């Protein structure tokens, strides 16, 4: 099941074919390398455009969110068994 986190994070990545590809993110004092992106989806939250990513890092699944209005990144959830 997913555990809600809702903490601001720092994300680094590259642009490929006009799309941002997250390569790593920093949560707390730890940096996580993105091994795989399993989902990338645009959506609106109360009129605010956002993009959600589900990423795998060292076998863990994280849900990241980019707010296009504030240009801020958030770790929304992490999968825990």
N, C-alpha and C. Protein backbone atom coordinates (compact mmCIF):
# COMPACT_ATOMS: atom_id res chain seq x y z
N UNK A 1 0.83 -1.17 0.00
CA UNK A 1 0.00 0.00 0.00
C UNK A 1 0.88 1.25 0.00
N UNK A 2 0.31 2.34 -0.45
CA UNK A 2 1.06 3.60 -0.47
C UNK A 2 0.96 4.30 0.87
N UNK A 3 2.09 4.85 1.32
CA UNK A 3 2.14 5.67 2.52
C UNK A 3 2.26 7.12 2.08
N UNK A 4 1.40 7.98 2.58
CA UNK A 4 1.43 9.40 2.23
C UNK A 4 2.61 10.08 2.88
N UNK A 5 3.36 10.87 2.10
CA UNK A 5 4.53 11.60 2.59
C UNK A 5 4.28 13.11 2.53
N UNK A 6 3.99 13.64 1.33
CA UNK A 6 3.72 15.07 1.11
C UNK A 6 4.83 15.99 1.62
N UNK A 7 6.05 15.72 1.17
CA UNK A 7 7.19 16.57 1.52
C UNK A 7 7.83 17.13 0.26
N UNK A 8 8.29 18.37 0.35
CA UNK A 8 8.95 18.99 -0.79
C UNK A 8 10.32 18.34 -0.99
N UNK A 9 10.68 18.14 -2.26
CA UNK A 9 11.95 17.49 -2.61
C UNK A 9 12.65 18.29 -3.70
N UNK A 10 13.88 17.89 -3.99
CA UNK A 10 14.66 18.46 -5.08
C UNK A 10 14.83 17.37 -6.14
N UNK A 11 14.55 17.72 -7.40
CA UNK A 11 14.63 16.75 -8.49
C UNK A 11 15.58 17.27 -9.56
N UNK A 12 16.42 16.37 -10.07
CA UNK A 12 17.31 16.70 -11.19
C UNK A 12 17.01 15.74 -12.33
N UNK A 13 17.09 16.26 -13.54
CA UNK A 13 16.81 15.41 -14.69
C UNK A 13 17.24 16.06 -15.98
N UNK A 14 16.74 15.52 -17.08
CA UNK A 14 17.09 16.01 -18.41
C UNK A 14 15.81 16.14 -19.24
N UNK A 15 15.91 16.94 -20.29
CA UNK A 15 14.82 17.04 -21.25
C UNK A 15 15.17 16.18 -22.46
N UNK A 16 14.22 15.30 -22.83
CA UNK A 16 14.38 14.47 -24.02
C UNK A 16 13.08 14.57 -24.81
N UNK A 17 13.20 14.90 -26.07
CA UNK A 17 12.03 15.02 -26.96
C UNK A 17 10.94 15.87 -26.31
N UNK A 18 11.33 17.02 -25.79
CA UNK A 18 10.41 18.01 -25.21
C UNK A 18 9.72 17.54 -23.94
N UNK A 19 10.24 16.50 -23.28
CA UNK A 19 9.67 16.02 -22.03
C UNK A 19 10.76 15.94 -20.97
N UNK A 20 10.41 16.31 -19.74
CA UNK A 20 11.35 16.21 -18.63
C UNK A 20 11.41 14.77 -18.14
N UNK A 21 12.63 14.28 -17.95
CA UNK A 21 12.86 12.93 -17.45
C UNK A 21 13.61 13.04 -16.12
N UNK A 22 12.95 12.73 -14.99
CA UNK A 22 13.67 12.79 -13.71
C UNK A 22 14.74 11.70 -13.65
N UNK A 23 15.94 12.07 -13.20
CA UNK A 23 17.05 11.12 -13.09
C UNK A 23 17.41 10.82 -11.64
N UNK A 24 17.18 11.80 -10.76
CA UNK A 24 17.43 11.59 -9.33
C UNK A 24 16.66 12.63 -8.53
N UNK A 25 16.45 12.31 -7.25
CA UNK A 25 15.80 13.27 -6.36
C UNK A 25 16.37 13.15 -4.97
N UNK A 26 16.30 14.26 -4.25
CA UNK A 26 16.82 14.30 -2.89
C UNK A 26 15.65 14.45 -1.94
N UNK A 27 15.55 13.52 -1.02
CA UNK A 27 14.51 13.54 0.01
C UNK A 27 15.22 13.47 1.36
N UNK A 28 15.08 14.50 2.13
CA UNK A 28 15.83 14.58 3.39
C UNK A 28 17.31 14.70 3.07
N UNK A 29 18.11 13.86 3.65
CA UNK A 29 19.56 13.88 3.42
C UNK A 29 20.01 12.86 2.39
N UNK A 30 19.07 12.08 1.85
CA UNK A 30 19.44 11.00 0.93
C UNK A 30 19.07 11.34 -0.51
N UNK A 31 19.94 10.96 -1.45
CA UNK A 31 19.69 11.13 -2.88
C UNK A 31 19.34 9.77 -3.47
N UNK A 32 18.25 9.74 -4.23
CA UNK A 32 17.75 8.51 -4.85
C UNK A 32 17.92 8.62 -6.36
N UNK A 33 18.56 7.63 -6.96
CA UNK A 33 18.69 7.56 -8.42
C UNK A 33 17.45 6.89 -8.99
N UNK A 34 16.89 7.45 -10.04
CA UNK A 34 15.70 6.89 -10.68
C UNK A 34 16.14 5.78 -11.62
N UNK A 35 15.72 4.55 -11.33
CA UNK A 35 16.04 3.40 -12.17
C UNK A 35 15.05 3.25 -13.32
N UNK A 36 13.79 3.62 -13.05
CA UNK A 36 12.74 3.43 -14.05
C UNK A 36 11.59 4.39 -13.76
N UNK A 37 10.97 4.88 -14.82
CA UNK A 37 9.75 5.68 -14.70
C UNK A 37 8.61 4.78 -15.17
N UNK A 38 7.67 4.49 -14.28
CA UNK A 38 6.58 3.59 -14.63
C UNK A 38 5.31 4.33 -15.05
N UNK A 39 5.25 5.64 -14.74
CA UNK A 39 4.08 6.44 -15.11
C UNK A 39 4.47 7.90 -15.19
N UNK A 40 3.91 8.58 -16.17
CA UNK A 40 4.05 10.03 -16.29
C UNK A 40 2.70 10.53 -16.78
N UNK A 41 2.06 11.41 -15.99
CA UNK A 41 0.70 11.81 -16.32
C UNK A 41 0.46 13.27 -15.96
N UNK A 42 -0.12 14.03 -16.88
CA UNK A 42 -0.51 15.40 -16.62
C UNK A 42 -1.93 15.43 -16.07
N UNK A 43 -2.18 16.34 -15.12
CA UNK A 43 -3.52 16.48 -14.57
C UNK A 43 -3.69 17.89 -14.01
N UNK A 44 -4.93 18.23 -13.68
CA UNK A 44 -5.22 19.52 -13.05
C UNK A 44 -5.74 19.27 -11.65
N UNK A 45 -5.30 20.12 -10.73
CA UNK A 45 -5.73 20.05 -9.34
C UNK A 45 -6.29 21.44 -9.00
N UNK A 46 -7.61 21.57 -9.07
CA UNK A 46 -8.22 22.87 -8.82
C UNK A 46 -7.79 23.93 -9.82
N UNK A 47 -7.55 23.55 -11.04
CA UNK A 47 -7.12 24.49 -12.07
C UNK A 47 -5.62 24.64 -12.19
N UNK A 48 -4.87 24.06 -11.25
CA UNK A 48 -3.40 24.12 -11.30
C UNK A 48 -2.89 22.91 -12.08
N UNK A 49 -2.10 23.19 -13.11
CA UNK A 49 -1.54 22.11 -13.92
C UNK A 49 -0.38 21.45 -13.19
N UNK A 50 -0.41 20.11 -13.15
CA UNK A 50 0.62 19.34 -12.48
C UNK A 50 1.00 18.13 -13.33
N UNK A 51 2.13 17.55 -13.01
CA UNK A 51 2.54 16.30 -13.65
C UNK A 51 2.96 15.33 -12.56
N UNK A 52 2.44 14.12 -12.65
CA UNK A 52 2.76 13.07 -11.69
C UNK A 52 3.69 12.05 -12.34
N UNK A 53 4.61 11.54 -11.56
CA UNK A 53 5.53 10.49 -11.99
C UNK A 53 5.51 9.39 -10.94
N UNK A 54 5.46 8.16 -11.38
CA UNK A 54 5.75 7.02 -10.51
C UNK A 54 7.13 6.54 -10.94
N UNK A 55 8.05 6.47 -9.98
CA UNK A 55 9.42 6.08 -10.31
C UNK A 55 9.88 4.97 -9.38
N UNK A 56 10.82 4.18 -9.89
CA UNK A 56 11.43 3.11 -9.10
C UNK A 56 12.87 3.50 -8.82
N UNK A 57 13.26 3.35 -7.55
CA UNK A 57 14.63 3.61 -7.13
C UNK A 57 15.04 2.53 -6.14
N UNK A 58 16.03 1.75 -6.51
CA UNK A 58 16.54 0.65 -5.66
C UNK A 58 15.41 -0.26 -5.18
N UNK A 59 14.47 -0.56 -6.05
CA UNK A 59 13.38 -1.47 -5.73
C UNK A 59 12.21 -0.84 -5.01
N UNK A 60 12.29 0.45 -4.69
CA UNK A 60 11.20 1.16 -4.03
C UNK A 60 10.44 2.00 -5.05
N UNK A 61 9.12 2.12 -4.85
CA UNK A 61 8.29 2.91 -5.76
C UNK A 61 7.88 4.21 -5.07
N UNK A 62 8.11 5.31 -5.77
CA UNK A 62 7.80 6.65 -5.25
C UNK A 62 6.86 7.35 -6.21
N UNK A 63 5.96 8.17 -5.67
CA UNK A 63 5.11 9.03 -6.49
C UNK A 63 5.58 10.46 -6.30
N UNK A 64 6.08 11.04 -7.40
CA UNK A 64 6.57 12.42 -7.40
C UNK A 64 5.55 13.30 -8.12
N UNK A 65 5.50 14.56 -7.74
CA UNK A 65 4.57 15.49 -8.38
C UNK A 65 5.25 16.83 -8.63
N UNK A 66 5.08 17.34 -9.84
CA UNK A 66 5.62 18.64 -10.22
C UNK A 66 4.46 19.61 -10.40
N UNK A 67 4.50 20.74 -9.68
CA UNK A 67 3.50 21.79 -9.79
C UNK A 67 4.00 22.78 -10.84
N UNK A 68 3.31 22.85 -11.95
CA UNK A 68 3.76 23.71 -13.05
C UNK A 68 3.60 25.19 -12.76
N UNK A 69 2.75 25.53 -11.81
CA UNK A 69 2.55 26.93 -11.46
C UNK A 69 3.68 27.44 -10.56
N UNK A 70 4.02 26.69 -9.53
CA UNK A 70 5.06 27.12 -8.59
C UNK A 70 6.43 26.56 -8.94
N UNK A 71 6.46 25.60 -9.89
CA UNK A 71 7.66 24.88 -10.30
C UNK A 71 8.33 24.17 -9.12
N UNK A 72 7.49 23.70 -8.20
CA UNK A 72 7.98 22.95 -7.04
C UNK A 72 7.72 21.46 -7.20
N UNK A 73 8.58 20.67 -6.57
CA UNK A 73 8.48 19.21 -6.59
C UNK A 73 8.08 18.71 -5.21
N UNK A 74 7.25 17.65 -5.21
CA UNK A 74 6.79 17.04 -3.97
C UNK A 74 6.88 15.52 -4.07
N UNK A 75 7.30 14.90 -2.98
CA UNK A 75 7.18 13.45 -2.84
C UNK A 75 5.83 13.23 -2.19
N UNK A 76 4.91 12.65 -2.93
CA UNK A 76 3.55 12.47 -2.42
C UNK A 76 3.38 11.15 -1.67
N UNK A 77 3.95 10.07 -2.24
CA UNK A 77 3.73 8.75 -1.63
C UNK A 77 4.93 7.84 -1.88
N UNK A 78 5.05 6.82 -1.03
CA UNK A 78 6.03 5.77 -1.22
C UNK A 78 5.32 4.44 -0.97
N UNK A 79 5.64 3.44 -1.78
CA UNK A 79 5.03 2.13 -1.61
C UNK A 79 5.72 1.37 -0.49
N UNK A 80 4.93 0.90 0.46
CA UNK A 80 5.45 0.07 1.55
C UNK A 80 4.63 -1.20 1.62
N UNK A 81 5.31 -2.30 1.91
CA UNK A 81 4.59 -3.59 2.01
C UNK A 81 4.36 -3.97 3.43
